[in-house]
Amino acid sequence: MLFLDVDGPLIPFGASHPYPVYETGLADPGSGENPLLARINPRHGPRLAALACELVWATTWLEDANVLVAPRLGLPPLPVVGLPESSGAVGVSGGAGEAGCEEEEEDVRIGLHWKTRPVVAWAGGRPFVWVDDEITEVDRGWVAAHHPGSALLHRVDPRRGLTGGDYAVVEGWLRRTVAG
């Protein structure tokens, strides 16, 4: 299983040089579509589809990843990891109750990414790769302590997005994990 972020891995940002744009013919001119979508390299689609694992979105784009990103990559709709109910991420708040608020406060205090708990819960003990530009050592340590299966938390440089080197790391890990 591979949990995939959009901003950073698929839509690079933050470099001082201009990014290439990829015309797919999908956007209706004047539709007001996010101009950053043109940074998505459609060649990522076949590379991602060829990976020996299930793909799952783990992004603040949520279902919009299936509507706006997947078609640019030639991917089918993918499952989507939701936001934690009480997460302040992208302004969402909900009814996780006191325990959820305490967990969230602890996560913020220690620097745990808001996606870490939901990704581990979704994996349910199964091996997984998480590709994101915001992964830290705190996330790696938390996953090691709370996830019984194998996990690769792979940080992508958001200025470059996914590269051949990133794919090589993921493919190698998947081969070793499936063989092991």
N, C-alpha and C. Protein backbone atom coordinates (compact mmCIF):
# COMPACT_ATOMS: atom_id res chain seq x y z
N MET A 1 0.85 -1.16 0.00
CA MET A 1 0.00 0.00 0.00
C MET A 1 0.90 1.24 0.00
N LEU A 2 0.52 2.23 -0.82
CA LEU A 2 1.28 3.47 -0.89
C LEU A 2 0.33 4.64 -0.66
N PHE A 3 0.60 5.41 0.39
CA PHE A 3 -0.15 6.62 0.69
C PHE A 3 0.56 7.78 0.00
N LEU A 4 -0.19 8.53 -0.81
CA LEU A 4 0.42 9.54 -1.68
C LEU A 4 -0.15 10.93 -1.42
N ASP A 5 0.75 11.86 -1.15
CA ASP A 5 0.40 13.26 -1.02
C ASP A 5 0.43 13.89 -2.42
N VAL A 6 -0.25 15.01 -2.59
CA VAL A 6 -0.28 15.71 -3.88
C VAL A 6 0.70 16.88 -3.89
N ASP A 7 0.51 17.84 -2.96
CA ASP A 7 1.37 19.03 -2.94
C ASP A 7 2.76 18.64 -2.47
N GLY A 8 3.73 18.86 -3.32
CA GLY A 8 5.11 18.46 -3.03
C GLY A 8 5.51 17.29 -3.90
N PRO A 9 4.98 16.10 -3.67
CA PRO A 9 5.35 14.97 -4.52
C PRO A 9 4.88 15.10 -5.98
N LEU A 10 3.63 15.49 -6.19
CA LEU A 10 3.10 15.58 -7.56
C LEU A 10 3.04 17.01 -8.09
N ILE A 11 2.85 17.96 -7.20
CA ILE A 11 2.87 19.38 -7.58
C ILE A 11 4.05 20.01 -6.85
N PRO A 12 5.21 20.09 -7.53
CA PRO A 12 6.37 20.69 -6.86
C PRO A 12 6.15 22.19 -6.62
N PHE A 13 6.80 22.68 -5.58
CA PHE A 13 6.70 24.11 -5.26
C PHE A 13 7.92 24.55 -4.46
N GLY A 14 8.18 25.85 -4.46
CA GLY A 14 9.20 26.42 -3.60
C GLY A 14 10.56 26.63 -4.23
N ALA A 15 10.78 26.20 -5.44
CA ALA A 15 12.09 26.42 -6.08
C ALA A 15 12.15 27.83 -6.65
N SER A 16 13.35 28.31 -6.88
CA SER A 16 13.51 29.66 -7.42
C SER A 16 13.34 29.69 -8.94
N HIS A 17 13.41 28.54 -9.59
CA HIS A 17 13.26 28.49 -11.05
C HIS A 17 11.81 28.18 -11.42
N PRO A 18 11.40 28.54 -12.64
CA PRO A 18 10.05 28.21 -13.07
C PRO A 18 9.91 26.71 -13.30
N TYR A 19 8.71 26.20 -13.08
CA TYR A 19 8.44 24.78 -13.27
C TYR A 19 7.89 24.54 -14.67
N PRO A 20 8.16 23.35 -15.22
CA PRO A 20 7.52 23.02 -16.50
C PRO A 20 6.02 22.86 -16.28
N VAL A 21 5.28 23.10 -17.34
CA VAL A 21 3.84 22.86 -17.29
C VAL A 21 3.50 21.80 -18.32
N TYR A 22 2.48 21.02 -18.01
CA TYR A 22 2.08 19.90 -18.85
C TYR A 22 0.63 20.10 -19.25
N GLU A 23 0.42 20.27 -20.53
CA GLU A 23 -0.93 20.45 -21.04
C GLU A 23 -1.55 19.08 -21.28
N THR A 24 -2.70 18.86 -20.68
CA THR A 24 -3.38 17.57 -20.86
C THR A 24 -4.67 17.71 -21.64
N GLY A 25 -5.13 18.96 -21.82
CA GLY A 25 -6.39 19.16 -22.52
C GLY A 25 -7.60 18.89 -21.65
N LEU A 26 -7.40 18.65 -20.36
CA LEU A 26 -8.52 18.32 -19.48
C LEU A 26 -9.26 19.54 -18.96
N ALA A 27 -8.56 20.64 -18.77
CA ALA A 27 -9.20 21.82 -18.18
C ALA A 27 -9.97 22.59 -19.24
N ASP A 28 -11.12 23.05 -18.86
CA ASP A 28 -11.92 23.91 -19.72
C ASP A 28 -11.36 25.33 -19.58
N PRO A 29 -10.92 25.95 -20.68
CA PRO A 29 -10.38 27.31 -20.57
C PRO A 29 -11.37 28.22 -19.84
N GLY A 30 -10.85 28.98 -18.91
CA GLY A 30 -11.71 29.88 -18.14
C GLY A 30 -12.46 29.20 -17.02
N SER A 31 -12.14 27.94 -16.75
CA SER A 31 -12.88 27.20 -15.73
C SER A 31 -12.49 27.61 -14.32
N GLY A 32 -11.40 28.35 -14.19
CA GLY A 32 -10.94 28.72 -12.86
C GLY A 32 -10.21 27.60 -12.16
N GLU A 33 -9.80 26.58 -12.92
CA GLU A 33 -9.08 25.45 -12.33
C GLU A 33 -7.76 25.92 -11.74
N ASN A 34 -7.33 25.27 -10.69
CA ASN A 34 -6.08 25.60 -10.02
C ASN A 34 -4.93 25.55 -11.02
N PRO A 35 -4.23 26.67 -11.23
CA PRO A 35 -3.14 26.68 -12.22
C PRO A 35 -1.97 25.77 -11.84
N LEU A 36 -1.84 25.42 -10.56
CA LEU A 36 -0.76 24.52 -10.16
C LEU A 36 -0.94 23.11 -10.69
N LEU A 37 -2.16 22.75 -11.09
CA LEU A 37 -2.39 21.42 -11.65
C LEU A 37 -1.56 21.19 -12.90
N ALA A 38 -1.23 22.26 -13.62
CA ALA A 38 -0.42 22.12 -14.84
C ALA A 38 1.00 21.66 -14.53
N ARG A 39 1.42 21.72 -13.27
CA ARG A 39 2.75 21.23 -12.89
C ARG A 39 2.79 19.71 -12.74
N ILE A 40 1.66 19.07 -12.75
CA ILE A 40 1.63 17.61 -12.58
C ILE A 40 2.12 16.95 -13.86
N ASN A 41 3.19 16.21 -13.73
CA ASN A 41 3.76 15.50 -14.87
C ASN A 41 2.93 14.23 -15.09
N PRO A 42 2.25 14.12 -16.24
CA PRO A 42 1.40 12.95 -16.46
C PRO A 42 2.17 11.63 -16.51
N ARG A 43 3.50 11.69 -16.67
CA ARG A 43 4.30 10.45 -16.68
C ARG A 43 4.35 9.79 -15.31
N HIS A 44 3.95 10.52 -14.26
CA HIS A 44 3.88 9.89 -12.94
C HIS A 44 2.80 8.81 -12.91
N GLY A 45 1.73 9.01 -13.66
CA GLY A 45 0.62 8.05 -13.63
C GLY A 45 1.04 6.62 -13.92
N PRO A 46 1.67 6.36 -15.08
CA PRO A 46 2.10 4.99 -15.37
C PRO A 46 3.11 4.45 -14.36
N ARG A 47 3.99 5.31 -13.86
CA ARG A 47 4.98 4.85 -12.86
C ARG A 47 4.28 4.45 -11.57
N LEU A 48 3.32 5.25 -11.15
CA LEU A 48 2.58 4.92 -9.93
C LEU A 48 1.74 3.66 -10.12
N ALA A 49 1.07 3.57 -11.27
CA ALA A 49 0.23 2.40 -11.54
C ALA A 49 1.04 1.11 -11.62
N ALA A 50 2.30 1.22 -12.01
CA ALA A 50 3.15 0.03 -12.14
C ALA A 50 3.70 -0.47 -10.80
N LEU A 51 3.57 0.34 -9.75
CA LEU A 51 4.07 -0.09 -8.44
C LEU A 51 3.25 -1.29 -7.94
N ALA A 52 3.92 -2.20 -7.29
CA ALA A 52 3.29 -3.44 -6.82
C ALA A 52 2.58 -3.21 -5.49
N CYS A 53 1.59 -2.28 -5.51
CA CYS A 53 0.85 -1.99 -4.29
C CYS A 53 -0.42 -1.22 -4.62
N GLU A 54 -1.29 -1.15 -3.64
CA GLU A 54 -2.50 -0.35 -3.75
C GLU A 54 -2.14 1.11 -3.51
N LEU A 55 -2.68 2.02 -4.32
CA LEU A 55 -2.46 3.45 -4.14
C LEU A 55 -3.61 4.06 -3.36
N VAL A 56 -3.29 4.95 -2.42
CA VAL A 56 -4.29 5.62 -1.59
C VAL A 56 -3.88 7.08 -1.47
N TRP A 57 -4.82 8.00 -1.69
CA TRP A 57 -4.52 9.41 -1.50
C TRP A 57 -4.42 9.72 -0.01
N ALA A 58 -3.40 10.47 0.38
CA ALA A 58 -3.25 11.00 1.74
C ALA A 58 -2.89 12.47 1.57
N THR A 59 -3.90 13.30 1.36
CA THR A 59 -3.69 14.68 0.96
C THR A 59 -4.85 15.56 1.41
N THR A 60 -4.57 16.83 1.60
CA THR A 60 -5.64 17.77 1.91
C THR A 60 -6.56 17.98 0.71
N TRP A 61 -6.18 17.49 -0.45
CA TRP A 61 -7.06 17.57 -1.61
C TRP A 61 -8.28 16.66 -1.43
N LEU A 62 -8.17 15.66 -0.56
CA LEU A 62 -9.24 14.71 -0.29
C LEU A 62 -9.84 14.19 -1.61
N GLU A 63 -11.17 14.20 -1.76
CA GLU A 63 -11.80 13.67 -2.97
C GLU A 63 -11.46 14.48 -4.22
N ASP A 64 -11.05 15.74 -4.05
CA ASP A 64 -10.63 16.53 -5.21
C ASP A 64 -9.43 15.89 -5.91
N ALA A 65 -8.66 15.09 -5.18
CA ALA A 65 -7.54 14.38 -5.82
C ALA A 65 -8.07 13.44 -6.89
N ASN A 66 -9.22 12.81 -6.65
CA ASN A 66 -9.80 11.92 -7.65
C ASN A 66 -10.42 12.70 -8.81
N VAL A 67 -10.97 13.86 -8.52
CA VAL A 67 -11.64 14.66 -9.54
C VAL A 67 -10.63 15.44 -10.40
N LEU A 68 -9.60 16.01 -9.77
CA LEU A 68 -8.70 16.92 -10.48
C LEU A 68 -7.31 16.36 -10.77
N VAL A 69 -6.81 15.48 -9.93
CA VAL A 69 -5.44 14.99 -10.09
C VAL A 69 -5.39 13.66 -10.82
N ALA A 70 -6.18 12.69 -10.38
CA ALA A 70 -6.15 11.35 -10.98
C ALA A 70 -6.33 11.38 -12.50
N PRO A 71 -7.28 12.16 -13.06
CA PRO A 71 -7.42 12.18 -14.52
C PRO A 71 -6.17 12.69 -15.24
N ARG A 72 -5.44 13.62 -14.64
CA ARG A 72 -4.20 14.13 -15.25
C ARG A 72 -3.12 13.07 -15.29
N LEU A 73 -3.23 12.10 -14.38
CA LEU A 73 -2.25 11.02 -14.31
C LEU A 73 -2.72 9.76 -15.03
N GLY A 74 -3.97 9.75 -15.47
CA GLY A 74 -4.52 8.55 -16.09
C GLY A 74 -4.81 7.46 -15.07
N LEU A 75 -5.02 7.85 -13.83
CA LEU A 75 -5.31 6.88 -12.77
C LEU A 75 -6.81 6.81 -12.52
N PRO A 76 -7.29 5.66 -12.08
CA PRO A 76 -8.69 5.57 -11.68
C PRO A 76 -8.88 6.29 -10.34
N PRO A 77 -10.12 6.47 -9.92
CA PRO A 77 -10.33 7.01 -8.58
C PRO A 77 -9.68 6.09 -7.54
N LEU A 78 -9.05 6.69 -6.55
CA LEU A 78 -8.35 5.95 -5.51
C LEU A 78 -9.04 6.18 -4.17
N PRO A 79 -8.86 5.25 -3.23
CA PRO A 79 -9.35 5.51 -1.87
C PRO A 79 -8.67 6.76 -1.31
N VAL A 80 -9.34 7.41 -0.37
CA VAL A 80 -8.83 8.66 0.20
C VAL A 80 -8.82 8.56 1.73
N VAL A 81 -7.65 8.80 2.32
CA VAL A 81 -7.57 8.89 3.78
C VAL A 81 -8.18 10.22 4.18
N GLY A 82 -9.14 10.20 5.09
CA GLY A 82 -9.80 11.42 5.52
C GLY A 82 -9.02 12.16 6.59
N LEU A 83 -9.44 13.37 6.84
CA LEU A 83 -8.85 14.18 7.91
C LEU A 83 -9.31 13.64 9.25
N PRO A 84 -8.48 13.76 10.27
CA PRO A 84 -8.95 13.41 11.61
C PRO A 84 -10.13 14.31 11.96
N GLU A 85 -11.10 13.77 12.66
CA GLU A 85 -12.33 14.52 12.93
C GLU A 85 -12.10 15.85 13.62
N SER A 86 -11.13 15.91 14.52
CA SER A 86 -10.94 17.16 15.25
C SER A 86 -9.79 17.98 14.69
N SER A 87 -9.29 17.60 13.53
CA SER A 87 -8.11 18.25 12.98
C SER A 87 -8.37 19.71 12.64
N GLY A 88 -7.41 20.54 12.97
CA GLY A 88 -7.45 21.92 12.54
C GLY A 88 -6.87 22.06 11.14
N ALA A 89 -6.41 20.95 10.55
CA ALA A 89 -5.85 20.99 9.21
C ALA A 89 -6.91 21.51 8.25
N VAL A 90 -6.51 22.40 7.39
CA VAL A 90 -7.37 23.08 6.42
C VAL A 90 -8.69 23.54 7.04
N GLY A 91 -8.64 23.94 8.30
CA GLY A 91 -9.81 24.55 8.93
C GLY A 91 -10.92 23.59 9.29
N VAL A 92 -10.65 22.30 9.36
CA VAL A 92 -11.69 21.33 9.68
C VAL A 92 -11.75 21.14 11.18
N SER A 93 -12.94 21.14 11.74
CA SER A 93 -13.10 20.76 13.13
C SER A 93 -14.31 19.85 13.22
N GLY A 94 -14.30 19.00 14.21
CA GLY A 94 -15.40 18.06 14.30
C GLY A 94 -15.57 17.54 15.70
N GLY A 95 -16.31 16.45 15.80
CA GLY A 95 -16.69 15.94 17.10
C GLY A 95 -15.91 14.73 17.54
N ALA A 96 -14.63 14.81 17.63
CA ALA A 96 -13.85 13.67 18.10
C ALA A 96 -13.92 13.54 19.61
N GLY A 97 -14.48 14.53 20.27
CA GLY A 97 -14.60 14.46 21.71
C GLY A 97 -13.32 14.84 22.42
N GLU A 98 -13.39 14.75 23.75
CA GLU A 98 -12.26 15.18 24.58
C GLU A 98 -11.00 14.38 24.30
N ALA A 99 -11.14 13.05 24.14
CA ALA A 99 -9.96 12.22 23.88
C ALA A 99 -9.29 12.62 22.57
N GLY A 100 -10.10 12.90 21.54
CA GLY A 100 -9.54 13.31 20.25
C GLY A 100 -8.82 14.64 20.36
N CYS A 101 -9.37 15.56 21.14
CA CYS A 101 -8.72 16.86 21.33
C CYS A 101 -7.40 16.70 22.08
N GLU A 102 -7.39 15.83 23.09
CA GLU A 102 -6.15 15.59 23.84
C GLU A 102 -5.09 14.98 22.93
N GLU A 103 -5.50 14.02 22.09
CA GLU A 103 -4.56 13.41 21.13
C GLU A 103 -4.00 14.47 20.20
N GLU A 104 -4.89 15.31 19.69
CA GLU A 104 -4.46 16.34 18.75
C GLU A 104 -3.50 17.32 19.42
N GLU A 105 -3.81 17.71 20.64
CA GLU A 105 -2.91 18.62 21.37
C GLU A 105 -1.55 17.98 21.58
N GLU A 106 -1.54 16.69 21.93
CA GLU A 106 -0.28 15.97 22.11
C GLU A 106 0.49 15.90 20.79
N ASP A 107 -0.22 15.61 19.70
CA ASP A 107 0.43 15.53 18.39
C ASP A 107 1.09 16.86 18.03
N VAL A 108 0.38 17.95 18.24
CA VAL A 108 0.93 19.28 17.95
C VAL A 108 2.15 19.54 18.83
N ARG A 109 2.04 19.19 20.11
CA ARG A 109 3.14 19.43 21.05
C ARG A 109 4.41 18.71 20.64
N ILE A 110 4.27 17.45 20.19
CA ILE A 110 5.47 16.68 19.83
C ILE A 110 5.87 16.85 18.37
N GLY A 111 5.03 17.52 17.56
CA GLY A 111 5.36 17.74 16.16
C GLY A 111 4.95 16.61 15.24
N LEU A 112 3.96 15.81 15.66
CA LEU A 112 3.48 14.71 14.82
C LEU A 112 2.58 15.27 13.73
N HIS A 113 2.80 14.85 12.50
CA HIS A 113 1.99 15.31 11.37
C HIS A 113 0.55 14.85 11.56
N TRP A 114 -0.40 15.67 11.14
CA TRP A 114 -1.81 15.31 11.31
C TRP A 114 -2.20 14.06 10.53
N LYS A 115 -1.45 13.70 9.48
CA LYS A 115 -1.79 12.51 8.68
C LYS A 115 -1.29 11.22 9.31
N THR A 116 -0.35 11.29 10.23
CA THR A 116 0.33 10.09 10.71
C THR A 116 -0.63 9.09 11.33
N ARG A 117 -1.44 9.51 12.28
CA ARG A 117 -2.39 8.58 12.91
C ARG A 117 -3.38 8.00 11.89
N PRO A 118 -4.01 8.83 11.03
CA PRO A 118 -4.94 8.26 10.06
C PRO A 118 -4.29 7.28 9.08
N VAL A 119 -3.05 7.54 8.66
CA VAL A 119 -2.36 6.63 7.75
C VAL A 119 -2.12 5.29 8.44
N VAL A 120 -1.64 5.32 9.68
CA VAL A 120 -1.38 4.08 10.42
C VAL A 120 -2.69 3.33 10.66
N ALA A 121 -3.74 4.05 11.01
CA ALA A 121 -5.04 3.40 11.22
C ALA A 121 -5.53 2.74 9.94
N TRP A 122 -5.40 3.43 8.81
CA TRP A 122 -5.85 2.90 7.52
C TRP A 122 -5.06 1.64 7.17
N ALA A 123 -3.77 1.67 7.41
CA ALA A 123 -2.92 0.52 7.08
C ALA A 123 -3.31 -0.70 7.90
N GLY A 124 -3.77 -0.51 9.11
CA GLY A 124 -4.26 -1.62 9.91
C GLY A 124 -3.23 -2.73 10.09
N GLY A 125 -1.98 -2.38 10.28
CA GLY A 125 -0.94 -3.38 10.50
C GLY A 125 -0.28 -3.89 9.23
N ARG A 126 -0.84 -3.55 8.07
CA ARG A 126 -0.25 -4.00 6.80
C ARG A 126 0.96 -3.14 6.45
N PRO A 127 1.90 -3.70 5.68
CA PRO A 127 3.06 -2.90 5.23
C PRO A 127 2.59 -1.72 4.38
N PHE A 128 3.28 -0.59 4.51
CA PHE A 128 2.91 0.55 3.69
C PHE A 128 4.10 1.47 3.44
N VAL A 129 3.95 2.24 2.35
CA VAL A 129 4.85 3.34 2.02
C VAL A 129 4.02 4.61 2.13
N TRP A 130 4.61 5.64 2.69
CA TRP A 130 3.96 6.94 2.74
C TRP A 130 4.90 7.93 2.07
N VAL A 131 4.45 8.54 0.98
CA VAL A 131 5.25 9.50 0.21
C VAL A 131 4.66 10.90 0.45
N ASP A 132 5.46 11.77 1.05
CA ASP A 132 4.98 13.09 1.44
C ASP A 132 6.19 14.02 1.56
N ASP A 133 5.95 15.31 1.46
CA ASP A 133 7.05 16.27 1.61
C ASP A 133 7.17 16.80 3.03
N GLU A 134 6.31 16.37 3.94
CA GLU A 134 6.31 16.92 5.30
C GLU A 134 6.65 15.89 6.37
N ILE A 135 7.10 14.73 5.99
CA ILE A 135 7.44 13.67 6.95
C ILE A 135 8.68 14.09 7.74
N THR A 136 8.64 13.83 9.05
CA THR A 136 9.78 14.15 9.92
C THR A 136 10.19 12.91 10.71
N GLU A 137 11.26 13.05 11.46
CA GLU A 137 11.72 11.96 12.33
C GLU A 137 10.68 11.67 13.42
N VAL A 138 9.91 12.66 13.82
CA VAL A 138 8.85 12.42 14.80
C VAL A 138 7.84 11.43 14.23
N ASP A 139 7.45 11.62 12.97
CA ASP A 139 6.50 10.71 12.33
C ASP A 139 7.09 9.31 12.22
N ARG A 140 8.34 9.22 11.82
CA ARG A 140 9.00 7.91 11.70
C ARG A 140 9.04 7.19 13.04
N GLY A 141 9.38 7.91 14.09
CA GLY A 141 9.43 7.30 15.42
C GLY A 141 8.07 6.85 15.90
N TRP A 142 7.04 7.67 15.65
CA TRP A 142 5.69 7.32 16.08
C TRP A 142 5.21 6.08 15.33
N VAL A 143 5.45 6.04 14.03
CA VAL A 143 5.03 4.86 13.25
C VAL A 143 5.76 3.62 13.75
N ALA A 144 7.05 3.72 13.99
CA ALA A 144 7.83 2.57 14.48
C ALA A 144 7.27 2.06 15.80
N ALA A 145 6.78 2.96 16.65
CA ALA A 145 6.26 2.56 17.95
C ALA A 145 4.81 2.08 17.92
N HIS A 146 4.04 2.48 16.90
CA HIS A 146 2.60 2.20 16.91
C HIS A 146 2.10 1.35 15.74
N HIS A 147 2.97 0.98 14.83
CA HIS A 147 2.56 0.19 13.66
C HIS A 147 3.34 -1.12 13.67
N PRO A 148 2.63 -2.26 13.75
CA PRO A 148 3.33 -3.54 13.85
C PRO A 148 3.94 -4.03 12.54
N GLY A 149 3.51 -3.48 11.41
CA GLY A 149 4.02 -3.93 10.12
C GLY A 149 5.20 -3.10 9.66
N SER A 150 5.73 -3.47 8.50
CA SER A 150 6.81 -2.71 7.89
C SER A 150 6.25 -1.40 7.34
N ALA A 151 7.07 -0.36 7.38
CA ALA A 151 6.64 0.93 6.85
C ALA A 151 7.85 1.70 6.34
N LEU A 152 7.66 2.34 5.20
CA LEU A 152 8.66 3.26 4.65
C LEU A 152 8.01 4.63 4.58
N LEU A 153 8.51 5.56 5.37
CA LEU A 153 8.05 6.94 5.31
C LEU A 153 9.09 7.69 4.49
N HIS A 154 8.73 8.00 3.25
CA HIS A 154 9.69 8.58 2.31
C HIS A 154 9.37 10.05 2.07
N ARG A 155 10.30 10.90 2.48
CA ARG A 155 10.12 12.34 2.29
C ARG A 155 10.63 12.75 0.91
N VAL A 156 9.77 13.46 0.19
CA VAL A 156 10.09 13.98 -1.14
C VAL A 156 10.44 15.46 -1.01
N ASP A 157 11.46 15.89 -1.72
CA ASP A 157 11.82 17.31 -1.75
C ASP A 157 10.73 18.05 -2.53
N PRO A 158 9.98 18.95 -1.89
CA PRO A 158 8.87 19.60 -2.58
C PRO A 158 9.32 20.51 -3.72
N ARG A 159 10.57 20.93 -3.72
CA ARG A 159 11.06 21.79 -4.80
C ARG A 159 11.25 21.00 -6.09
N ARG A 160 11.41 19.68 -5.96
CA ARG A 160 11.65 18.83 -7.13
C ARG A 160 10.48 17.91 -7.44
N GLY A 161 9.68 17.57 -6.45
CA GLY A 161 8.63 16.58 -6.65
C GLY A 161 9.23 15.19 -6.78
N LEU A 162 8.40 14.23 -7.08
CA LEU A 162 8.87 12.85 -7.24
C LEU A 162 9.89 12.76 -8.35
N THR A 163 10.99 12.08 -8.07
CA THR A 163 12.07 11.91 -9.05
C THR A 163 12.31 10.42 -9.28
N GLY A 164 13.13 10.12 -10.26
CA GLY A 164 13.52 8.73 -10.50
C GLY A 164 14.14 8.11 -9.27
N GLY A 165 14.92 8.88 -8.53
CA GLY A 165 15.53 8.38 -7.30
C GLY A 165 14.49 8.00 -6.26
N ASP A 166 13.43 8.81 -6.15
CA ASP A 166 12.34 8.48 -5.21
C ASP A 166 11.66 7.18 -5.61
N TYR A 167 11.38 7.04 -6.91
CA TYR A 167 10.76 5.79 -7.38
C TYR A 167 11.66 4.59 -7.10
N ALA A 168 12.97 4.75 -7.29
CA ALA A 168 13.90 3.64 -7.04
C ALA A 168 13.85 3.20 -5.58
N VAL A 169 13.80 4.16 -4.66
CA VAL A 169 13.72 3.83 -3.23
C VAL A 169 12.42 3.07 -2.94
N VAL A 170 11.31 3.58 -3.44
CA VAL A 170 10.00 2.96 -3.19
C VAL A 170 9.94 1.57 -3.82
N GLU A 171 10.36 1.46 -5.09
CA GLU A 171 10.32 0.16 -5.77
C GLU A 171 11.21 -0.86 -5.06
N GLY A 172 12.39 -0.45 -4.63
CA GLY A 172 13.28 -1.35 -3.90
C GLY A 172 12.67 -1.82 -2.60
N TRP A 173 12.06 -0.91 -1.86
CA TRP A 173 11.42 -1.27 -0.60
C TRP A 173 10.27 -2.24 -0.84
N LEU A 174 9.46 -1.95 -1.85
CA LEU A 174 8.33 -2.84 -2.16
C LEU A 174 8.82 -4.23 -2.54
N ARG A 175 9.87 -4.32 -3.36
CA ARG A 175 10.42 -5.63 -3.74
C ARG A 175 10.90 -6.40 -2.50
N ARG A 176 11.65 -5.74 -1.65
CA ARG A 176 12.16 -6.40 -0.43
C ARG A 176 11.03 -6.81 0.51
N THR A 177 10.02 -5.98 0.61
CA THR A 177 8.92 -6.26 1.53
C THR A 177 8.06 -7.41 1.02
N VAL A 178 7.78 -7.42 -0.28
CA VAL A 178 6.99 -8.51 -0.86
C VAL A 178 7.77 -9.82 -0.80
N ALA A 179 9.07 -9.76 -1.06
CA ALA A 179 9.91 -10.97 -1.04
C ALA A 179 10.11 -11.48 0.38
N GLY A 180 10.08 -10.57 1.37
CA GLY A 180 10.36 -10.95 2.76
C GLY A 180 9.17 -11.51 3.39
